[in-house]
Amino acid sequence: MAIKAFVKVPIRVSTRYVYLFGPADRKITRVVNISAGLTKPLKIIPKSFDLADRISYSIKETEQGRHYLVRLSSIPGTAGRFHGVLKLKTNYPEKPEITIYIRGRFEKKRAGLPVGNAG
């Protein structure tokens, strides 16, 4: 016996994990797409963010009540490894919170060697 079903996802998120790697002196950016899976308008607002000293973010509504872009960018000059989360609050009781996990590593340039060269 086989059962087939269609599950409607209330909110679609392009990725829940963001990785930022590169030289510490450059701005590295990643974008997460968030879209409504239901007919009612979606609203998202920031709830918490624990990487404000290393990462900046912006939320742009590209289609009213339907689609958002969350842009995460490194702050140049910040070196080292880190991990944290950006939590977004939604108006959907089916999915009241979206968590985006962030990991990264920014390396300082070493004298005479390009970043990433094992030497």
C-alpha atoms as a PDB file:
ATOM      1  CA  MET A   1       0.000   0.000   0.000  1.00  0.00           C
ATOM      2  CA  ALA A   2       1.290   3.453  -0.893  1.00  0.00           C
ATOM      3  CA  ILE A   3       0.111   6.812   0.375  1.00  0.00           C
ATOM      4  CA  LYS A   4       0.703   9.958  -1.611  1.00  0.00           C
ATOM      5  CA  ALA A   5       0.367  13.418  -0.125  1.00  0.00           C
ATOM      6  CA  PHE A   6       1.178  16.994  -0.987  1.00  0.00           C
ATOM      7  CA  VAL A   7       2.592  18.978   1.912  1.00  0.00           C
ATOM      8  CA  LYS A   8       2.298  22.740   1.562  1.00  0.00           C
ATOM      9  CA  VAL A   9       5.292  24.474   3.145  1.00  0.00           C
ATOM     10  CA  PRO A  10       4.229  27.757   4.807  1.00  0.00           C
ATOM     11  CA  ILE A  11       7.588  29.502   4.216  1.00  0.00           C
ATOM     12  CA  ARG A  12      10.298  28.597   1.721  1.00  0.00           C
ATOM     13  CA  VAL A  13      13.885  29.485   2.664  1.00  0.00           C
ATOM     14  CA  SER A  14      16.619  29.016   0.030  1.00  0.00           C
ATOM     15  CA  THR A  15      19.127  27.948   2.680  1.00  0.00           C
ATOM     16  CA  ARG A  16      19.160  27.821   6.456  1.00  0.00           C
ATOM     17  CA  TYR A  17      22.973  27.662   6.572  1.00  0.00           C
ATOM     18  CA  VAL A  18      25.210  30.491   5.368  1.00  0.00           C
ATOM     19  CA  TYR A  19      28.984  30.131   5.045  1.00  0.00           C
ATOM     20  CA  LEU A  20      31.215  33.193   4.658  1.00  0.00           C
ATOM     21  CA  PHE A  21      34.890  32.565   3.904  1.00  0.00           C
ATOM     22  CA  GLY A  22      37.588  34.808   2.485  1.00  0.00           C
ATOM     23  CA  PRO A  23      40.130  37.523   3.127  1.00  0.00           C
ATOM     24  CA  ALA A  24      39.453  39.743   6.137  1.00  0.00           C
ATOM     25  CA  ASP A  25      40.038  42.940   4.154  1.00  0.00           C
ATOM     26  CA  ARG A  26      37.189  42.271   1.674  1.00  0.00           C
ATOM     27  CA  LYS A  27      33.425  42.396   1.978  1.00  0.00           C
ATOM     28  CA  ILE A  28      31.954  38.910   1.417  1.00  0.00           C
ATOM     29  CA  THR A  29      28.184  38.745   0.805  1.00  0.00           C
ATOM     30  CA  ARG A  30      25.620  35.930   0.691  1.00  0.00           C
ATOM     31  CA  VAL A  31      21.881  36.219   0.043  1.00  0.00           C
ATOM     32  CA  VAL A  32      19.039  34.107   1.461  1.00  0.00           C
ATOM     33  CA  ASN A  33      15.686  34.086  -0.376  1.00  0.00           C
ATOM     34  CA  ILE A  34      12.543  33.786   1.743  1.00  0.00           C
ATOM     35  CA  SER A  35       9.110  33.420   0.164  1.00  0.00           C
ATOM     36  CA  ALA A  36       5.555  32.811   1.330  1.00  0.00           C
ATOM     37  CA  GLY A  37       4.118  29.373   0.635  1.00  0.00           C
ATOM     38  CA  LEU A  38       0.601  30.300   1.725  1.00  0.00           C
ATOM     39  CA  THR A  39      -1.856  32.768   0.216  1.00  0.00           C
ATOM     40  CA  LYS A  40      -1.832  35.157   3.178  1.00  0.00           C
ATOM     41  CA  PRO A  41       0.829  37.918   3.187  1.00  0.00           C
ATOM     42  CA  LEU A  42       4.101  37.129   4.941  1.00  0.00           C
ATOM     43  CA  LYS A  43       5.762  39.616   7.283  1.00  0.00           C
ATOM     44  CA  ILE A  44       9.195  39.092   8.791  1.00  0.00           C
ATOM     45  CA  ILE A  45      11.058  41.192  11.327  1.00  0.00           C
ATOM     46  CA  PRO A  46      14.419  40.683  13.072  1.00  0.00           C
ATOM     47  CA  LYS A  47      14.184  38.910  16.425  1.00  0.00           C
ATOM     48  CA  SER A  48      17.823  38.336  17.421  1.00  0.00           C
ATOM     49  CA  PHE A  49      21.296  38.453  15.908  1.00  0.00           C
ATOM     50  CA  ASP A  50      24.513  37.540  17.707  1.00  0.00           C
ATOM     51  CA  LEU A  51      27.160  38.474  15.114  1.00  0.00           C
ATOM     52  CA  ALA A  52      26.733  42.255  14.858  1.00  0.00           C
ATOM     53  CA  ASP A  53      30.473  42.776  15.462  1.00  0.00           C
ATOM     54  CA  ARG A  54      31.432  40.609  12.436  1.00  0.00           C
ATOM     55  CA  ILE A  55      28.480  40.565  10.031  1.00  0.00           C
ATOM     56  CA  SER A  56      25.944  43.119   8.840  1.00  0.00           C
ATOM     57  CA  TYR A  57      22.568  42.156   7.422  1.00  0.00           C
ATOM     58  CA  SER A  58      19.647  43.749   5.641  1.00  0.00           C
ATOM     59  CA  ILE A  59      16.138  42.546   4.861  1.00  0.00           C
ATOM     60  CA  LYS A  60      14.566  43.720   1.619  1.00  0.00           C
ATOM     61  CA  GLU A  61      10.961  43.004   0.668  1.00  0.00           C
ATOM     62  CA  THR A  62      11.089  42.423  -3.109  1.00  0.00           C
ATOM     63  CA  GLU A  63       7.439  41.429  -3.572  1.00  0.00           C
ATOM     64  CA  GLN A  64       5.024  42.823  -0.999  1.00  0.00           C
ATOM     65  CA  GLY A  65       3.960  40.134   1.468  1.00  0.00           C
ATOM     66  CA  ARG A  66       5.426  37.355  -0.717  1.00  0.00           C
ATOM     67  CA  HIS A  67       9.204  37.518  -1.123  1.00  0.00           C
ATOM     68  CA  TYR A  68      12.193  38.790   0.885  1.00  0.00           C
ATOM     69  CA  LEU A  69      15.949  38.887   0.387  1.00  0.00           C
ATOM     70  CA  VAL A  70      18.171  38.679   3.459  1.00  0.00           C
ATOM     71  CA  ARG A  71      21.655  39.945   2.594  1.00  0.00           C
ATOM     72  CA  LEU A  72      24.504  38.984   4.959  1.00  0.00           C
ATOM     73  CA  SER A  73      27.870  40.731   4.513  1.00  0.00           C
ATOM     74  CA  SER A  74      31.161  40.559   6.338  1.00  0.00           C
ATOM     75  CA  ILE A  75      32.557  43.678   7.972  1.00  0.00           C
ATOM     76  CA  PRO A  76      36.026  44.216   6.416  1.00  0.00           C
ATOM     77  CA  GLY A  77      38.913  44.110   8.883  1.00  0.00           C
ATOM     78  CA  THR A  78      37.438  41.368  11.058  1.00  0.00           C
ATOM     79  CA  ALA A  79      39.627  38.238  11.073  1.00  0.00           C
ATOM     80  CA  GLY A  80      39.075  34.830  12.660  1.00  0.00           C
ATOM     81  CA  ARG A  81      36.495  32.057  12.843  1.00  0.00           C
ATOM     82  CA  PHE A  82      32.950  32.542  14.073  1.00  0.00           C
ATOM     83  CA  HIS A  83      29.461  31.081  14.167  1.00  0.00           C
ATOM     84  CA  GLY A  84      26.087  32.427  15.190  1.00  0.00           C
ATOM     85  CA  VAL A  85      22.458  32.861  14.187  1.00  0.00           C
ATOM     86  CA  LEU A  86      20.016  35.372  12.771  1.00  0.00           C
ATOM     87  CA  LYS A  87      16.481  34.757  14.025  1.00  0.00           C
ATOM     88  CA  LEU A  88      13.536  36.284  12.201  1.00  0.00           C
ATOM     89  CA  LYS A  89      10.010  36.511  13.583  1.00  0.00           C
ATOM     90  CA  THR A  90       7.108  35.835  11.187  1.00  0.00           C
ATOM     91  CA  ASN A  91       3.367  36.444  11.321  1.00  0.00           C
ATOM     92  CA  TYR A  92       2.628  32.809  10.377  1.00  0.00           C
ATOM     93  CA  PRO A  93       1.503  30.686  13.349  1.00  0.00           C
ATOM     94  CA  GLU A  94       2.537  27.617  11.305  1.00  0.00           C
ATOM     95  CA  LYS A  95       6.146  28.892  11.273  1.00  0.00           C
ATOM     96  CA  PRO A  96       6.572  31.693  13.852  1.00  0.00           C
ATOM     97  CA  GLU A  97      10.373  31.843  13.570  1.00  0.00           C
ATOM     98  CA  ILE A  98      13.045  31.392  10.911  1.00  0.00           C
ATOM     99  CA  THR A  99      16.585  30.630  12.065  1.00  0.00           C
ATOM    100  CA  ILE A 100      19.531  31.196   9.726  1.00  0.00           C
ATOM    101  CA  TYR A 101      22.775  29.615  10.948  1.00  0.00           C
ATOM    102  CA  ILE A 102      25.938  31.514  10.015  1.00  0.00           C
ATOM    103  CA  ARG A 103      29.531  30.252  10.010  1.00  0.00           C
ATOM    104  CA  GLY A 104      32.611  31.875   8.665  1.00  0.00           C
ATOM    105  CA  ARG A 105      36.324  32.369   8.565  1.00  0.00           C
ATOM    106  CA  PHE A 106      38.142  35.520   7.515  1.00  0.00           C
ATOM    107  CA  GLU A 107      41.901  35.408   7.134  1.00  0.00           C
ATOM    108  CA  LYS A 108      44.383  38.265   7.376  1.00  0.00           C
ATOM    109  CA  LYS A 109      46.834  38.593   4.520  1.00  0.00           C
ATOM    110  CA  ARG A 110      50.261  37.276   5.372  1.00  0.00           C
ATOM    111  CA  ALA A 111      53.287  39.191   4.149  1.00  0.00           C
ATOM    112  CA  GLY A 112      54.210  37.983   0.674  1.00  0.00           C
ATOM    113  CA  LEU A 113      51.539  35.275   0.497  1.00  0.00           C
ATOM    114  CA  PRO A 114      48.050  35.483  -0.958  1.00  0.00           C
ATOM    115  CA  VAL A 115      45.235  34.387   1.362  1.00  0.00           C
ATOM    116  CA  GLY A 116      44.547  30.655   1.136  1.00  0.00           C
ATOM    117  CA  ASN A 117      48.066  29.705  -0.024  1.00  0.00           C
ATOM    118  CA  ALA A 118      49.439  26.829   2.007  1.00  0.00           C
ATOM    119  CA  GLY A 119      52.884  28.101   1.114  1.00  0.00           C
END
